Amino acid sequence: MSRAIDALIAARLIKLLVTPFKKTKAYQMGIIDDKGKVLIKSKDIPKKFPTYEVQKARKAYTLLIRFVFNLKRLLAKVGVRGPIGSAAAAAIAFLKEEYPNFKKVDDTQEFIIGEMRFKCIHTPGHYFDSICYQISPVLFTGDTMFVGRTGRIKGKNSSIEDLYDSIYNKILKMPGSIKIYPGHDYGDRPNITLEENILNSPLLSAKSLDDFKKRMEDYEKNRKIGS
């Protein structure tokens, strides 16, 4: 029984670690911001929420959740190569131990789920471990490419050089008929063909890495929140 409980707790921790702040109940209730910064302290919840929502707010910001939020903020500061970054390795080790069939995938590796054949494409840049999944003629681009633009370079583990390589030497080498489905709906439609997206975005028509950097600077200067 204790082993099962330990596994459940570990799985809960991993899920909390990989869930973006914006997708947590604490963010949705205004307890934290999108970077995990505390806006309403736990002790102040009864003062900030109506009586009928106090229990819901407390459940969204338990001691365990507060611990994981603090850990995530530390991870963002020190980066995955820092001492706390071993949490990622611990998560992988846990999955391998608890789920013997768990396997890591390599860049361009293909695998089958049911009757569908996927290709895993490592596309670092927005983040070091960004991945796209291709089920021809569809590409799920996550945070690497959106409708109308590429991913952004804002985190400690972001790299504009890696993003340029992922976009221009991997994704843009694919047929223009490939339809992309991004991880977020930031554009004027939920999906778009690669050919259309190139015509739709200055970030996808750079002539060189330096040109791409300049276009990214221009984009950030003129960017509207939520786009």
C-alpha atoms as a PDB file:
ATOM      1  CA  MET A   1       0.000   0.000   0.000  1.00  0.00           C
ATOM      2  CA  SER A   2       2.781   2.452   0.921  1.00  0.00           C
ATOM      3  CA  ARG A   3       4.499   1.831  -2.416  1.00  0.00           C
ATOM      4  CA  ALA A   4       1.272   2.688  -4.245  1.00  0.00           C
ATOM      5  CA  ILE A   5       0.864   5.857  -2.177  1.00  0.00           C
ATOM      6  CA  ASP A   6       4.479   6.846  -2.849  1.00  0.00           C
ATOM      7  CA  ALA A   7       3.926   6.330  -6.564  1.00  0.00           C
ATOM      8  CA  LEU A   8       0.785   8.468  -6.506  1.00  0.00           C
ATOM      9  CA  ILE A   9       2.582  11.276  -4.673  1.00  0.00           C
ATOM     10  CA  ALA A  10       5.539  11.113  -7.073  1.00  0.00           C
ATOM     11  CA  ALA A  11       3.198  11.175 -10.066  1.00  0.00           C
ATOM     12  CA  ARG A  12       1.374  14.159  -8.555  1.00  0.00           C
ATOM     13  CA  LEU A  13       4.674  16.005  -8.084  1.00  0.00           C
ATOM     14  CA  ILE A  14       5.741  15.337 -11.658  1.00  0.00           C
ATOM     15  CA  LYS A  15       2.399  16.500 -13.020  1.00  0.00           C
ATOM     16  CA  LEU A  16       2.626  19.727 -11.007  1.00  0.00           C
ATOM     17  CA  LEU A  17       6.208  20.295 -12.169  1.00  0.00           C
ATOM     18  CA  VAL A  18       5.366  20.044 -15.859  1.00  0.00           C
ATOM     19  CA  THR A  19       2.074  21.966 -15.760  1.00  0.00           C
ATOM     20  CA  PRO A  20       2.536  25.633 -16.848  1.00  0.00           C
ATOM     21  CA  PHE A  21       1.547  28.162 -14.194  1.00  0.00           C
ATOM     22  CA  LYS A  22      -1.132  29.556 -16.523  1.00  0.00           C
ATOM     23  CA  LYS A  23      -2.918  26.214 -16.545  1.00  0.00           C
ATOM     24  CA  THR A  24      -3.145  25.875 -12.767  1.00  0.00           C
ATOM     25  CA  LYS A  25      -6.209  26.645 -10.665  1.00  0.00           C
ATOM     26  CA  ALA A  26      -4.094  29.005  -8.553  1.00  0.00           C
ATOM     27  CA  TYR A  27      -3.395  31.162 -11.611  1.00  0.00           C
ATOM     28  CA  GLN A  28      -6.985  31.025 -12.793  1.00  0.00           C
ATOM     29  CA  MET A  29      -8.140  32.219  -9.361  1.00  0.00           C
ATOM     30  CA  GLY A  30      -5.614  35.046  -9.265  1.00  0.00           C
ATOM     31  CA  ILE A  31      -3.510  33.582  -6.444  1.00  0.00           C
ATOM     32  CA  ILE A  32      -0.316  33.578  -8.553  1.00  0.00           C
ATOM     33  CA  ASP A  33       0.744  35.274 -11.788  1.00  0.00           C
ATOM     34  CA  ASP A  34       1.926  33.552 -14.967  1.00  0.00           C
ATOM     35  CA  LYS A  35       5.483  33.298 -13.597  1.00  0.00           C
ATOM     36  CA  GLY A  36       4.372  31.702 -10.319  1.00  0.00           C
ATOM     37  CA  LYS A  37       4.806  34.860  -8.260  1.00  0.00           C
ATOM     38  CA  VAL A  38       2.464  34.937  -5.274  1.00  0.00           C
ATOM     39  CA  LEU A  39      -0.298  37.549  -5.533  1.00  0.00           C
ATOM     40  CA  ILE A  40      -2.403  36.313  -2.611  1.00  0.00           C
ATOM     41  CA  LYS A  41      -0.696  34.651   0.362  1.00  0.00           C
ATOM     42  CA  SER A  42      -2.206  31.482   1.769  1.00  0.00           C
ATOM     43  CA  LYS A  43      -3.079  33.165   5.078  1.00  0.00           C
ATOM     44  CA  ASP A  44      -4.945  35.923   3.211  1.00  0.00           C
ATOM     45  CA  ILE A  45      -7.210  33.617   1.190  1.00  0.00           C
ATOM     46  CA  PRO A  46     -10.175  33.964   3.622  1.00  0.00           C
ATOM     47  CA  LYS A  47      -9.921  37.756   3.318  1.00  0.00           C
ATOM     48  CA  LYS A  48      -9.654  37.859  -0.479  1.00  0.00           C
ATOM     49  CA  PHE A  49     -12.342  35.366  -1.488  1.00  0.00           C
ATOM     50  CA  PRO A  50     -16.039  35.135  -0.728  1.00  0.00           C
ATOM     51  CA  THR A  51     -16.922  32.420   1.769  1.00  0.00           C
ATOM     52  CA  TYR A  52     -18.226  30.021  -0.884  1.00  0.00           C
ATOM     53  CA  GLU A  53     -14.885  30.126  -2.768  1.00  0.00           C
ATOM     54  CA  VAL A  54     -12.449  29.920   0.177  1.00  0.00           C
ATOM     55  CA  GLN A  55     -12.314  26.108   0.174  1.00  0.00           C
ATOM     56  CA  LYS A  56     -11.800  26.024  -3.579  1.00  0.00           C
ATOM     57  CA  ALA A  57      -8.955  28.554  -3.313  1.00  0.00           C
ATOM     58  CA  ARG A  58      -7.272  26.620  -0.512  1.00  0.00           C
ATOM     59  CA  LYS A  59      -7.473  23.431  -2.555  1.00  0.00           C
ATOM     60  CA  ALA A  60      -5.847  25.264  -5.472  1.00  0.00           C
ATOM     61  CA  TYR A  61      -2.974  26.425  -3.230  1.00  0.00           C
ATOM     62  CA  THR A  62      -2.149  23.629  -0.800  1.00  0.00           C
ATOM     63  CA  LEU A  63       1.182  23.211   0.974  1.00  0.00           C
ATOM     64  CA  LEU A  64       2.304  20.652  -1.628  1.00  0.00           C
ATOM     65  CA  ILE A  65       1.336  22.933  -4.495  1.00  0.00           C
ATOM     66  CA  ARG A  66       3.151  25.897  -2.901  1.00  0.00           C
ATOM     67  CA  PHE A  67       6.268  23.742  -2.499  1.00  0.00           C
ATOM     68  CA  VAL A  68       6.209  22.674  -6.162  1.00  0.00           C
ATOM     69  CA  PHE A  69       5.583  26.252  -7.342  1.00  0.00           C
ATOM     70  CA  ASN A  70       8.630  27.435  -5.402  1.00  0.00           C
ATOM     71  CA  LEU A  71      10.681  24.561  -6.819  1.00  0.00           C
ATOM     72  CA  LYS A  72       9.635  25.466 -10.369  1.00  0.00           C
ATOM     73  CA  ARG A  73      10.641  29.078  -9.846  1.00  0.00           C
ATOM     74  CA  LEU A  74      14.042  27.946  -8.559  1.00  0.00           C
ATOM     75  CA  LEU A  75      14.443  25.648 -11.557  1.00  0.00           C
ATOM     76  CA  ALA A  76      13.749  28.574 -13.870  1.00  0.00           C
ATOM     77  CA  LYS A  77      16.443  30.628 -12.125  1.00  0.00           C
ATOM     78  CA  VAL A  78      19.238  28.059 -11.980  1.00  0.00           C
ATOM     79  CA  GLY A  79      18.448  26.255 -15.236  1.00  0.00           C
ATOM     80  CA  VAL A  80      18.401  22.504 -15.793  1.00  0.00           C
ATOM     81  CA  ARG A  81      22.165  22.299 -15.409  1.00  0.00           C
ATOM     82  CA  GLY A  82      21.962  23.627 -11.861  1.00  0.00           C
ATOM     83  CA  PRO A  83      21.794  21.300  -8.842  1.00  0.00           C
ATOM     84  CA  ILE A  84      18.000  21.415  -8.658  1.00  0.00           C
ATOM     85  CA  GLY A  85      17.820  20.444 -12.315  1.00  0.00           C
ATOM     86  CA  SER A  86      18.358  16.842 -11.207  1.00  0.00           C
ATOM     87  CA  ALA A  87      14.576  16.815 -10.611  1.00  0.00           C
ATOM     88  CA  ALA A  88      14.125  16.163 -14.323  1.00  0.00           C
ATOM     89  CA  ALA A  89      16.467  13.185 -14.186  1.00  0.00           C
ATOM     90  CA  ALA A  90      14.650  11.940 -11.093  1.00  0.00           C
ATOM     91  CA  ALA A  91      11.334  12.155 -12.936  1.00  0.00           C
ATOM     92  CA  ILE A  92      12.694  10.076 -15.827  1.00  0.00           C
ATOM     93  CA  ALA A  93      14.158   7.524 -13.420  1.00  0.00           C
ATOM     94  CA  PHE A  94      10.807   7.278 -11.640  1.00  0.00           C
ATOM     95  CA  LEU A  95       8.948   6.685 -14.889  1.00  0.00           C
ATOM     96  CA  LYS A  96      11.403   4.003 -15.957  1.00  0.00           C
ATOM     97  CA  GLU A  97      11.119   2.211 -12.616  1.00  0.00           C
ATOM     98  CA  GLU A  98       7.336   2.410 -12.274  1.00  0.00           C
ATOM     99  CA  TYR A  99       6.561   1.893 -15.952  1.00  0.00           C
ATOM    100  CA  PRO A 100       8.998  -0.652 -17.467  1.00  0.00           C
ATOM    101  CA  ASN A 101       7.717   0.084 -20.979  1.00  0.00           C
ATOM    102  CA  PHE A 102       8.587   3.774 -20.675  1.00  0.00           C
ATOM    103  CA  LYS A 103      11.169   4.680 -23.321  1.00  0.00           C
ATOM    104  CA  LYS A 104      12.894   7.893 -24.271  1.00  0.00           C
ATOM    105  CA  VAL A 105      12.792   9.009 -27.889  1.00  0.00           C
ATOM    106  CA  ASP A 106      15.603  10.406 -30.014  1.00  0.00           C
ATOM    107  CA  ASP A 107      15.553  13.136 -32.660  1.00  0.00           C
ATOM    108  CA  THR A 108      13.798  11.959 -35.875  1.00  0.00           C
ATOM    109  CA  GLN A 109      12.870   8.662 -34.210  1.00  0.00           C
ATOM    110  CA  GLU A 110       9.602   7.129 -35.393  1.00  0.00           C
ATOM    111  CA  PHE A 111       7.202   5.217 -33.176  1.00  0.00           C
ATOM    112  CA  ILE A 112       3.713   3.768 -33.467  1.00  0.00           C
ATOM    113  CA  ILE A 113       0.713   4.386 -31.210  1.00  0.00           C
ATOM    114  CA  GLY A 114      -2.178   2.174 -32.212  1.00  0.00           C
ATOM    115  CA  GLU A 115      -2.195   2.421 -35.996  1.00  0.00           C
ATOM    116  CA  MET A 116      -0.619   5.881 -36.193  1.00  0.00           C
ATOM    117  CA  ARG A 117       3.039   6.396 -36.995  1.00  0.00           C
ATOM    118  CA  PHE A 118       4.643   9.428 -35.334  1.00  0.00           C
ATOM    119  CA  LYS A 119       8.006  11.054 -35.897  1.00  0.00           C
ATOM    120  CA  CYS A 120       9.646  12.875 -32.986  1.00  0.00           C
ATOM    121  CA  ILE A 121      11.615  15.974 -34.034  1.00  0.00           C
ATOM    122  CA  HIS A 122      13.811  17.738 -31.487  1.00  0.00           C
ATOM    123  CA  THR A 123      13.333  21.483 -32.029  1.00  0.00           C
ATOM    124  CA  PRO A 124      15.185  23.358 -29.267  1.00  0.00           C
ATOM    125  CA  GLY A 125      15.112  27.132 -29.110  1.00  0.00           C
ATOM    126  CA  HIS A 126      12.016  28.319 -27.259  1.00  0.00           C
ATOM    127  CA  TYR A 127      13.202  25.799 -24.683  1.00  0.00           C
ATOM    128  CA  PHE A 128      16.012  23.257 -24.687  1.00  0.00           C
ATOM    129  CA  ASP A 129      13.716  20.236 -24.778  1.00  0.00           C
ATOM    130  CA  SER A 130      11.088  21.456 -27.255  1.00  0.00           C
ATOM    131  CA  ILE A 131       9.733  18.704 -29.492  1.00  0.00           C
ATOM    132  CA  CYS A 132       7.476  18.568 -32.550  1.00  0.00           C
ATOM    133  CA  TYR A 133       5.524  15.469 -33.535  1.00  0.00           C
ATOM    134  CA  GLN A 134       4.796  14.683 -37.154  1.00  0.00           C
ATOM    135  CA  ILE A 135       1.980  12.485 -38.421  1.00  0.00           C
ATOM    136  CA  SER A 136       2.239  13.184 -42.113  1.00  0.00           C
ATOM    137  CA  PRO A 137       0.787  15.464 -43.444  1.00  0.00           C
ATOM    138  CA  VAL A 138       0.379  17.122 -40.014  1.00  0.00           C
ATOM    139  CA  LEU A 139       2.980  18.638 -37.685  1.00  0.00           C
ATOM    140  CA  PHE A 140       2.231  19.368 -34.032  1.00  0.00           C
ATOM    141  CA  THR A 141       4.622  22.231 -33.288  1.00  0.00           C
ATOM    142  CA  GLY A 142       4.065  22.901 -29.575  1.00  0.00           C
ATOM    143  CA  ASP A 143       5.811  26.176 -28.659  1.00  0.00           C
ATOM    144  CA  THR A 144       8.281  26.058 -31.577  1.00  0.00           C
ATOM    145  CA  MET A 145       5.985  27.569 -34.206  1.00  0.00           C
ATOM    146  CA  PHE A 146       2.601  29.274 -34.043  1.00  0.00           C
ATOM    147  CA  VAL A 147       0.226  30.621 -36.672  1.00  0.00           C
ATOM    148  CA  GLY A 148       1.922  33.831 -37.768  1.00  0.00           C
ATOM    149  CA  ARG A 149       5.206  33.493 -35.911  1.00  0.00           C
ATOM    150  CA  THR A 150       7.838  31.337 -34.250  1.00  0.00           C
ATOM    151  CA  GLY A 151       8.134  30.672 -30.545  1.00  0.00           C
ATOM    152  CA  ARG A 152       9.693  33.381 -28.387  1.00  0.00           C
ATOM    153  CA  ILE A 153      13.094  33.545 -26.708  1.00  0.00           C
ATOM    154  CA  LYS A 154      12.425  34.608 -23.131  1.00  0.00           C
ATOM    155  CA  GLY A 155      13.571  31.919 -20.695  1.00  0.00           C
ATOM    156  CA  LYS A 156      16.980  31.150 -19.202  1.00  0.00           C
ATOM    157  CA  ASN A 157      17.125  27.985 -21.291  1.00  0.00           C
ATOM    158  CA  SER A 158      15.989  29.632 -24.524  1.00  0.00           C
ATOM    159  CA  SER A 159      18.396  30.029 -27.436  1.00  0.00           C
ATOM    160  CA  ILE A 160      17.748  32.095 -30.544  1.00  0.00           C
ATOM    161  CA  GLU A 161      20.525  30.254 -32.388  1.00  0.00           C
ATOM    162  CA  ASP A 162      18.860  26.910 -31.625  1.00  0.00           C
ATOM    163  CA  LEU A 163      15.441  28.272 -32.571  1.00  0.00           C
ATOM    164  CA  TYR A 164      16.761  29.526 -35.906  1.00  0.00           C
ATOM    165  CA  ASP A 165      18.292  26.118 -36.601  1.00  0.00           C
ATOM    166  CA  SER A 166      15.085  24.289 -35.622  1.00  0.00           C
ATOM    167  CA  ILE A 167      12.883  26.537 -37.755  1.00  0.00           C
ATOM    168  CA  TYR A 168      15.057  27.027 -40.827  1.00  0.00           C
ATOM    169  CA  ASN A 169      16.975  23.766 -40.991  1.00  0.00           C
ATOM    170  CA  LYS A 170      14.229  21.412 -39.852  1.00  0.00           C
ATOM    171  CA  ILE A 171      10.651  22.676 -40.113  1.00  0.00           C
ATOM    172  CA  LEU A 172      11.012  24.941 -43.150  1.00  0.00           C
ATOM    173  CA  LYS A 173      12.701  22.104 -45.044  1.00  0.00           C
ATOM    174  CA  MET A 174       9.393  20.215 -44.979  1.00  0.00           C
ATOM    175  CA  PRO A 175       6.845  20.369 -47.816  1.00  0.00           C
ATOM    176  CA  GLY A 176       4.768  23.553 -47.847  1.00  0.00           C
ATOM    177  CA  SER A 177       1.587  21.477 -47.766  1.00  0.00           C
ATOM    178  CA  ILE A 178       2.339  20.282 -44.226  1.00  0.00           C
ATOM    179  CA  LYS A 179      -0.357  21.599 -41.883  1.00  0.00           C
ATOM    180  CA  ILE A 180       0.854  22.814 -38.488  1.00  0.00           C
ATOM    181  CA  TYR A 181      -1.114  22.587 -35.262  1.00  0.00           C
ATOM    182  CA  PRO A 182       0.549  24.767 -32.574  1.00  0.00           C
ATOM    183  CA  GLY A 183       0.408  24.269 -28.821  1.00  0.00           C
ATOM    184  CA  HIS A 184      -1.429  27.604 -28.333  1.00  0.00           C
ATOM    185  CA  ASP A 185      -4.020  29.481 -30.347  1.00  0.00           C
ATOM    186  CA  TYR A 186      -2.183  32.812 -30.747  1.00  0.00           C
ATOM    187  CA  GLY A 187      -2.962  33.378 -34.427  1.00  0.00           C
ATOM    188  CA  ASP A 188      -6.027  34.216 -36.457  1.00  0.00           C
ATOM    189  CA  ARG A 189      -6.864  30.532 -36.888  1.00  0.00           C
ATOM    190  CA  PRO A 190      -6.060  27.284 -35.057  1.00  0.00           C
ATOM    191  CA  ASN A 191      -3.958  25.711 -37.823  1.00  0.00           C
ATOM    192  CA  ILE A 192      -2.310  26.655 -41.095  1.00  0.00           C
ATOM    193  CA  THR A 193      -0.201  25.138 -43.865  1.00  0.00           C
ATOM    194  CA  LEU A 194       3.521  25.753 -43.682  1.00  0.00           C
ATOM    195  CA  GLU A 195       3.450  27.542 -47.041  1.00  0.00           C
ATOM    196  CA  GLU A 196       0.723  29.928 -45.844  1.00  0.00           C
ATOM    197  CA  ASN A 197       2.520  30.526 -42.569  1.00  0.00           C
ATOM    198  CA  ILE A 198       5.717  31.589 -44.324  1.00  0.00           C
ATOM    199  CA  LEU A 199       3.737  34.204 -46.235  1.00  0.00           C
ATOM    200  CA  ASN A 200       2.023  35.236 -43.000  1.00  0.00           C
ATOM    201  CA  SER A 201       5.107  35.853 -40.834  1.00  0.00           C
ATOM    202  CA  PRO A 202       8.257  38.002 -41.131  1.00  0.00           C
ATOM    203  CA  LEU A 203       9.902  35.644 -38.616  1.00  0.00           C
ATOM    204  CA  LEU A 204       9.636  32.832 -41.165  1.00  0.00           C
ATOM    205  CA  SER A 205      11.306  34.650 -44.050  1.00  0.00           C
ATOM    206  CA  ALA A 206      14.651  35.721 -42.580  1.00  0.00           C
ATOM    207  CA  LYS A 207      17.693  35.650 -44.862  1.00  0.00           C
ATOM    208  CA  SER A 208      20.182  34.718 -42.146  1.00  0.00           C
ATOM    209  CA  LEU A 209      20.604  34.227 -38.404  1.00  0.00           C
ATOM    210  CA  ASP A 210      21.427  37.923 -37.936  1.00  0.00           C
ATOM    211  CA  ASP A 211      18.346  38.870 -39.930  1.00  0.00           C
ATOM    212  CA  PHE A 212      16.265  36.508 -37.784  1.00  0.00           C
ATOM    213  CA  LYS A 213      17.609  38.127 -34.607  1.00  0.00           C
ATOM    214  CA  LYS A 214      16.688  41.570 -35.930  1.00  0.00           C
ATOM    215  CA  ARG A 215      13.188  40.401 -36.865  1.00  0.00           C
ATOM    216  CA  MET A 216      12.738  38.876 -33.403  1.00  0.00           C
ATOM    217  CA  GLU A 217      13.781  42.172 -31.786  1.00  0.00           C
ATOM    218  CA  ASP A 218      11.264  44.034 -33.932  1.00  0.00           C
ATOM    219  CA  TYR A 219       8.564  41.522 -33.064  1.00  0.00           C
ATOM    220  CA  GLU A 220       9.180  41.861 -29.309  1.00  0.00           C
ATOM    221  CA  LYS A 221       9.137  45.663 -29.512  1.00  0.00           C
ATOM    222  CA  ASN A 222       5.774  45.684 -31.272  1.00  0.00           C
ATOM    223  CA  ARG A 223       4.209  42.601 -29.723  1.00  0.00           C
ATOM    224  CA  LYS A 224       0.707  42.850 -28.324  1.00  0.00           C
ATOM    225  CA  ILE A 225      -0.001  40.914 -25.134  1.00  0.00           C
ATOM    226  CA  GLY A 226      -1.627  37.584 -25.926  1.00  0.00           C
ATOM    227  CA  SER A 227      -0.269  37.407 -29.463  1.00  0.00           C
END
